[in-house]
């Protein structure tokens, strides 16, 4: 006996007609009649009163109907629960550098959750360098970072290049330069860099940016994290270079001024294992570009 036999029988009972049941099941009537006859032969009992109009079940048929309905209901519940169990077991683990939380990453992850409700999504803060090793060891499935770190086992996709800004106290002379400033304007300033470890990191990127233009800042001080750096700037202790998305961090008397040098950008990379072409990763890319489209952000779409 198969579940389809139970479905056929229940349909005939509920429609009280082989003809109507066949229409409901989208099958021809003769095959349906044969399936019911085979079911009766297997059970060794008569399920329907012959010649009754409308079609009526025998006492045994009524008993079988009640239990058939329960069995079909239980089968659907088992199917549904099994799907849910399978869905929970699918996990996408993302590594990310902390500064990306001030940008579009939260929106991307939220959209990904909405569009892929069957996935369990985990977020782990870690440096770009640590993300590479975590990808190779299978501890994460995707990494979001800012550094160009090459590894043959890892595929790195440039999502976009984020402009850099200068954070300064509202009383600082730079704060009046609303149109923007150049790196050369900053070399005599007291400049906070972050994070202090591990290397390479965003502070390494800022140092390299000055070197690219042949500049050497007079005073550099590394601090633990971006919030500490901006808090010190708000206290009038110096200035700090940050990604544009960090402008969402607000302190009293804290101003953000654009950096005008062409190379004053911070790249945002997505890293995955070189051979990973899963549908989950494709869906994540789609969410990224949907958010970028909404924000009118230019990008080169990657094709997996």
Protein backbone atom coordinates (compact mmCIF):
# COMPACT_ATOMS: atom_id res chain seq x y z
CA UNK A 1 0.00 0.00 0.00
CA UNK A 2 1.35 3.42 -0.98
CA UNK A 3 0.41 6.92 0.11
CA UNK A 4 -1.04 7.61 -3.32
CA UNK A 5 -3.54 4.79 -2.78
CA UNK A 6 -4.68 6.48 0.43
CA UNK A 7 -5.00 9.83 -1.38
CA UNK A 8 -7.12 8.21 -4.11
CA UNK A 9 -9.38 6.54 -1.57
CA UNK A 10 -9.84 9.71 0.52
CA UNK A 11 -10.68 11.72 -2.60
CA UNK A 12 -13.37 9.23 -3.64
CA UNK A 13 -14.90 9.22 -0.15
CA UNK A 14 -14.94 13.01 0.11
CA UNK A 15 -16.30 13.55 -3.41
CA UNK A 16 -18.73 10.59 -3.10
CA UNK A 17 -18.08 9.96 -6.78
CA UNK A 18 -15.35 8.28 -8.84
CA UNK A 19 -15.92 10.80 -11.62
CA UNK A 20 -15.52 13.89 -9.41
CA UNK A 21 -12.58 12.35 -7.55
CA UNK A 22 -10.82 11.62 -10.85
CA UNK A 23 -11.29 15.25 -11.89
CA UNK A 24 -9.93 16.47 -8.55
CA UNK A 25 -6.90 14.19 -8.84
CA UNK A 26 -6.33 15.04 -12.52
CA UNK A 27 -6.41 11.40 -13.57
CA UNK A 28 -8.77 9.34 -15.72
CA UNK A 29 -11.62 7.50 -14.02
CA UNK A 30 -10.78 3.92 -15.15
CA UNK A 31 -7.28 3.93 -13.59
CA UNK A 32 -8.73 5.40 -10.40
CA UNK A 33 -11.35 2.65 -10.21
CA UNK A 34 -8.65 0.01 -10.74
CA UNK A 35 -6.51 1.50 -7.92
CA UNK A 36 -9.47 1.33 -5.50
CA UNK A 37 -10.19 -2.26 -6.58
CA UNK A 38 -6.53 -3.18 -5.99
CA UNK A 39 -6.70 -1.53 -2.55
CA UNK A 40 -9.82 -3.55 -1.64
CA UNK A 41 -8.12 -6.73 -2.87
CA UNK A 42 -5.04 -6.00 -0.76
CA UNK A 43 -7.13 -5.34 2.34
CA UNK A 44 -9.49 -8.24 1.59
CA UNK A 45 -12.56 -6.09 2.34
CA UNK A 46 -15.16 -4.03 0.50
CA UNK A 47 -14.70 -0.31 1.10
CA UNK A 48 -17.76 1.05 -0.75
CA UNK A 49 -21.41 0.06 -0.92
CA UNK A 50 -21.98 -1.05 -4.49
CA UNK A 51 -24.78 0.70 -6.36
CA UNK A 52 -25.26 3.46 -3.74
CA UNK A 53 -25.97 6.96 -5.04
CA UNK A 54 -24.20 9.05 -3.89
CA UNK A 55 -21.35 6.67 -3.21
CA UNK A 56 -21.22 5.51 0.41
CA UNK A 57 -18.55 3.69 2.40
CA UNK A 58 -19.08 0.42 4.20
CA UNK A 59 -18.49 0.42 7.99
CA UNK A 60 -15.01 -0.94 7.30
CA UNK A 61 -14.53 1.70 4.63
CA UNK A 62 -15.48 4.47 7.08
CA UNK A 63 -13.01 3.11 9.64
CA UNK A 64 -10.28 2.95 6.98
CA UNK A 65 -11.12 6.49 5.81
CA UNK A 66 -10.68 7.98 9.29
CA UNK A 67 -7.27 6.39 9.68
CA UNK A 68 -6.23 7.16 6.11
CA UNK A 69 -6.86 10.86 6.74
CA UNK A 70 -4.68 10.68 9.87
CA UNK A 71 -1.91 8.85 8.03
CA UNK A 72 -1.88 11.40 5.22
CA UNK A 73 -1.85 14.24 7.73
CA UNK A 74 1.03 12.62 9.62
CA UNK A 75 2.92 12.10 6.37
CA UNK A 76 2.67 15.83 5.55
CA UNK A 77 3.83 16.73 9.05
CA UNK A 78 6.82 14.42 8.76
CA UNK A 79 7.64 15.89 5.37
CA UNK A 80 7.41 19.44 6.70
CA UNK A 81 9.47 18.71 9.83
CA UNK A 82 12.12 16.88 7.82
CA UNK A 83 12.46 19.89 5.55
CA UNK A 84 12.84 22.19 8.55
CA UNK A 85 15.49 19.96 10.08
CA UNK A 86 17.36 19.94 6.81
CA UNK A 87 17.08 23.70 6.55
CA UNK A 88 18.46 24.31 10.04
CA UNK A 89 21.49 22.19 9.23
CA UNK A 90 22.44 24.49 6.33
CA UNK A 91 24.65 27.22 7.74
CA UNK A 92 26.52 30.07 6.09
CA UNK A 93 29.22 31.50 8.34
CA UNK A 94 30.57 34.95 7.49
CA UNK A 95 33.78 36.54 8.69
CA UNK A 96 33.96 40.34 8.62
CA UNK A 97 36.12 43.24 9.73
CA UNK A 98 34.40 45.41 12.31
CA UNK A 99 34.41 48.67 10.33
CA UNK A 100 32.04 47.15 7.75
CA UNK A 101 29.25 47.13 10.33
CA UNK A 102 29.02 50.91 9.89
CA UNK A 103 28.41 50.51 6.17
CA UNK A 104 26.09 48.34 4.11
CA UNK A 105 27.01 44.93 5.52
CA UNK A 106 24.12 44.85 8.07
CA UNK A 107 21.61 45.64 5.30
CA UNK A 108 23.11 42.97 3.05
CA UNK A 109 22.99 40.33 5.78
CA UNK A 110 19.42 41.29 6.73
CA UNK A 111 18.26 41.03 3.10
CA UNK A 112 20.07 37.70 2.76
CA UNK A 113 18.22 36.42 5.84
CA UNK A 114 14.86 37.55 4.42
CA UNK A 115 15.46 35.97 1.02
CA UNK A 116 16.98 32.74 2.37
CA UNK A 117 14.94 31.98 5.52
CA UNK A 118 15.97 28.33 5.37
CA UNK A 119 19.60 29.22 6.11
CA UNK A 120 21.24 29.65 9.47
CA UNK A 121 23.56 32.66 9.14
CA UNK A 122 26.41 33.22 11.57
CA UNK A 123 28.65 36.30 11.78
CA UNK A 124 32.17 36.28 13.21
CA UNK A 125 34.36 39.37 13.50
CA UNK A 126 37.93 38.70 12.39
CA UNK A 127 40.74 40.40 10.51
CA UNK A 128 41.08 39.96 6.75
CA UNK A 129 44.24 37.90 7.29
CA UNK A 130 42.46 35.57 9.73
CA UNK A 131 39.56 35.22 7.29
CA UNK A 132 41.86 33.68 4.67
CA UNK A 133 43.02 30.96 7.05
CA UNK A 134 39.48 30.41 8.35
CA UNK A 135 38.23 29.91 4.79
CA UNK A 136 40.94 27.35 4.08
CA UNK A 137 40.14 25.49 7.30
CA UNK A 138 36.39 25.56 6.62
CA UNK A 139 35.55 27.61 9.74
CA UNK A 140 33.82 30.27 7.63
CA UNK A 141 32.20 30.19 4.18
CA UNK A 142 32.73 33.79 3.13
CA UNK A 143 34.81 36.74 4.32
CA UNK A 144 34.34 40.50 4.03
CA UNK A 145 37.54 42.53 4.38
CA UNK A 146 39.52 45.52 3.16
CA UNK A 147 42.99 44.14 2.40
CA UNK A 148 44.48 42.70 -0.78
CA UNK A 149 45.74 39.36 0.46
CA UNK A 150 46.41 36.79 -2.26
CA UNK A 151 46.19 33.03 -1.82
CA UNK A 152 45.74 30.44 -4.61
CA UNK A 153 43.09 28.62 -2.58
CA UNK A 154 40.97 31.76 -2.16
CA UNK A 155 38.98 33.74 -4.67
CA UNK A 156 38.84 37.44 -3.87
CA UNK A 157 36.15 39.66 -5.44
CA UNK A 158 36.39 43.46 -5.32
CA UNK A 159 32.89 44.61 -4.43
CA UNK A 160 33.58 48.35 -4.47
CA UNK A 161 36.05 51.03 -3.42
CA UNK A 162 34.84 53.16 -0.53
CA UNK A 163 36.02 56.81 -0.36
CA UNK A 164 38.10 57.84 2.65
CA UNK A 165 37.30 60.77 4.91
CA UNK A 166 39.16 62.80 7.51
CA UNK A 167 37.60 63.10 10.95
CA UNK A 168 38.43 66.35 12.78
CA UNK A 169 37.12 68.41 15.68
CA UNK A 170 34.77 71.21 14.60
CA UNK A 171 37.29 73.77 15.91
CA UNK A 172 40.13 72.35 13.82
CA UNK A 173 41.16 74.40 10.75
CA UNK A 174 40.58 71.37 8.51
CA UNK A 175 36.89 71.33 9.49
CA UNK A 176 36.32 74.51 7.49
CA UNK A 177 37.51 72.80 4.28
CA UNK A 178 34.06 71.53 3.33
CA UNK A 179 35.08 70.66 -0.24
CA UNK A 180 37.81 68.38 1.01
CA UNK A 181 41.52 68.13 1.76
CA UNK A 182 44.55 66.26 0.42
CA UNK A 183 46.88 63.88 2.20
CA UNK A 184 49.62 66.49 1.87
CA UNK A 185 47.52 68.75 4.10
CA UNK A 186 47.69 66.18 6.91
CA UNK A 187 51.41 65.47 7.31
CA UNK A 188 51.89 68.02 10.09
CA UNK A 189 48.86 66.87 12.03
CA UNK A 190 48.64 64.46 14.95
CA UNK A 191 47.06 61.44 13.26
CA UNK A 192 45.36 58.50 14.95
CA UNK A 193 45.50 55.11 13.23
CA UNK A 194 43.48 51.99 14.04
CA UNK A 195 43.42 49.15 14.80
CA UNK A 196 46.68 48.61 16.65
CA UNK A 197 46.79 44.87 15.84
CA UNK A 198 46.89 42.40 14.19
CA UNK A 199 48.93 43.40 11.13
CA UNK A 200 48.31 43.89 8.26
CA UNK A 201 45.17 45.94 8.87
CA UNK A 202 43.52 49.28 8.10
CA UNK A 203 46.33 51.22 9.79
CA UNK A 204 48.75 49.45 7.45
CA UNK A 205 46.60 50.56 4.52
CA UNK A 206 46.68 54.22 5.63
CA UNK A 207 50.47 54.15 6.08
CA UNK A 208 50.83 52.69 2.58
CA UNK A 209 48.58 55.42 1.19
CA UNK A 210 50.87 58.15 2.48
CA UNK A 211 53.92 56.29 1.14
CA UNK A 212 52.29 56.02 -2.28
CA UNK A 213 52.30 59.82 -2.45
CA UNK A 214 55.81 60.11 -1.02
CA UNK A 215 54.53 61.58 2.25
CA UNK A 216 55.58 60.92 5.82
CA UNK A 217 53.21 62.11 8.60
CA UNK A 218 54.93 63.82 11.51
CA UNK A 219 52.91 62.18 14.29
CA UNK A 220 51.23 58.78 14.09
CA UNK A 221 49.58 57.06 17.03
CA UNK A 222 47.91 53.67 16.84
CA UNK A 223 44.86 52.92 19.00
CA UNK A 224 42.83 49.78 19.54
CA UNK A 225 39.69 50.51 17.52
CA UNK A 226 37.80 53.07 15.45
CA UNK A 227 35.48 54.22 18.25
CA UNK A 228 38.47 55.06 20.45
CA UNK A 229 40.18 56.93 17.60
CA UNK A 230 37.09 59.03 16.88
CA UNK A 231 36.47 59.65 20.56
CA UNK A 232 39.97 61.10 20.86
CA UNK A 233 39.36 63.22 17.74
CA UNK A 234 36.14 64.52 19.30
CA UNK A 235 38.21 65.47 22.34
CA UNK A 236 40.46 67.61 20.13
CA UNK A 237 43.48 65.31 20.43
CA UNK A 238 44.12 64.96 16.69
CA UNK A 239 42.59 63.75 13.43
CA UNK A 240 41.82 60.35 11.92
CA UNK A 241 41.32 58.85 8.45
CA UNK A 242 38.23 56.62 8.20
CA UNK A 243 36.07 54.98 5.51
CA UNK A 244 33.07 57.05 4.40
CA UNK A 245 30.64 54.67 6.10
CA UNK A 246 32.16 55.58 9.48
CA UNK A 247 30.46 58.98 9.17
CA UNK A 248 27.48 57.30 10.83
CA UNK A 249 29.51 57.40 14.07
CA UNK A 250 28.57 60.68 15.68
CA UNK A 251 30.25 62.50 18.55
CA UNK A 252 29.63 66.14 19.56
CA UNK A 253 31.88 68.49 17.57
CA UNK A 254 33.05 65.71 15.23
CA UNK A 255 33.26 66.68 11.54
CA UNK A 256 34.03 64.56 8.48
CA UNK A 257 35.88 66.03 5.48
CA UNK A 258 36.40 64.27 2.12
CA UNK A 259 39.90 63.20 1.06
CA UNK A 260 40.47 64.39 -2.50
CA UNK A 261 43.44 62.25 -3.56
CA UNK A 262 42.53 59.75 -6.29
CA UNK A 263 43.97 56.81 -4.37
CA UNK A 264 42.17 57.76 -1.14
CA UNK A 265 39.80 54.80 -1.18
CA UNK A 266 39.43 51.64 0.85
CA UNK A 267 38.57 48.55 -1.20
CA UNK A 268 35.93 46.14 0.10
CA UNK A 269 36.56 42.53 -0.84
CA UNK A 270 34.50 39.38 -0.59
CA UNK A 271 36.57 36.22 -0.23
CA UNK A 272 35.40 32.66 -0.84
CA UNK A 273 37.09 29.34 -1.49
CA UNK A 274 38.25 29.14 -5.10
CA UNK A 275 36.03 26.19 -6.03
CA UNK A 276 32.93 27.32 -4.13
CA UNK A 277 30.09 27.88 -6.61
CA UNK A 278 27.18 27.03 -4.32
CA UNK A 279 23.71 28.49 -4.75
CA UNK A 280 23.98 30.08 -1.29
CA UNK A 281 27.02 32.10 -2.39
CA UNK A 282 25.26 33.10 -5.61
CA UNK A 283 22.28 34.29 -3.56
CA UNK A 284 24.58 36.31 -1.32
CA UNK A 285 26.09 38.06 -4.34
CA UNK A 286 22.57 38.87 -5.56
CA UNK A 287 21.74 40.49 -2.21
CA UNK A 288 24.93 42.55 -2.29
CA UNK A 289 24.17 43.95 -5.72
CA UNK A 290 20.52 44.57 -4.87
CA UNK A 291 21.63 46.80 -1.98
CA UNK A 292 24.23 48.51 -4.17
CA UNK A 293 21.57 49.20 -6.80
CA UNK A 294 19.30 50.76 -4.21
CA UNK A 295 22.15 52.98 -3.03
CA UNK A 296 23.22 53.82 -6.62
CA UNK A 297 26.72 52.51 -5.87
CA UNK A 298 28.88 51.65 -8.87
CA UNK A 299 30.35 48.17 -9.00
CA UNK A 300 31.64 45.53 -11.39
CA UNK A 301 29.32 42.58 -11.05
CA UNK A 302 31.15 39.35 -10.40
CA UNK A 303 29.94 36.26 -12.24
CA UNK A 304 30.33 32.98 -10.41
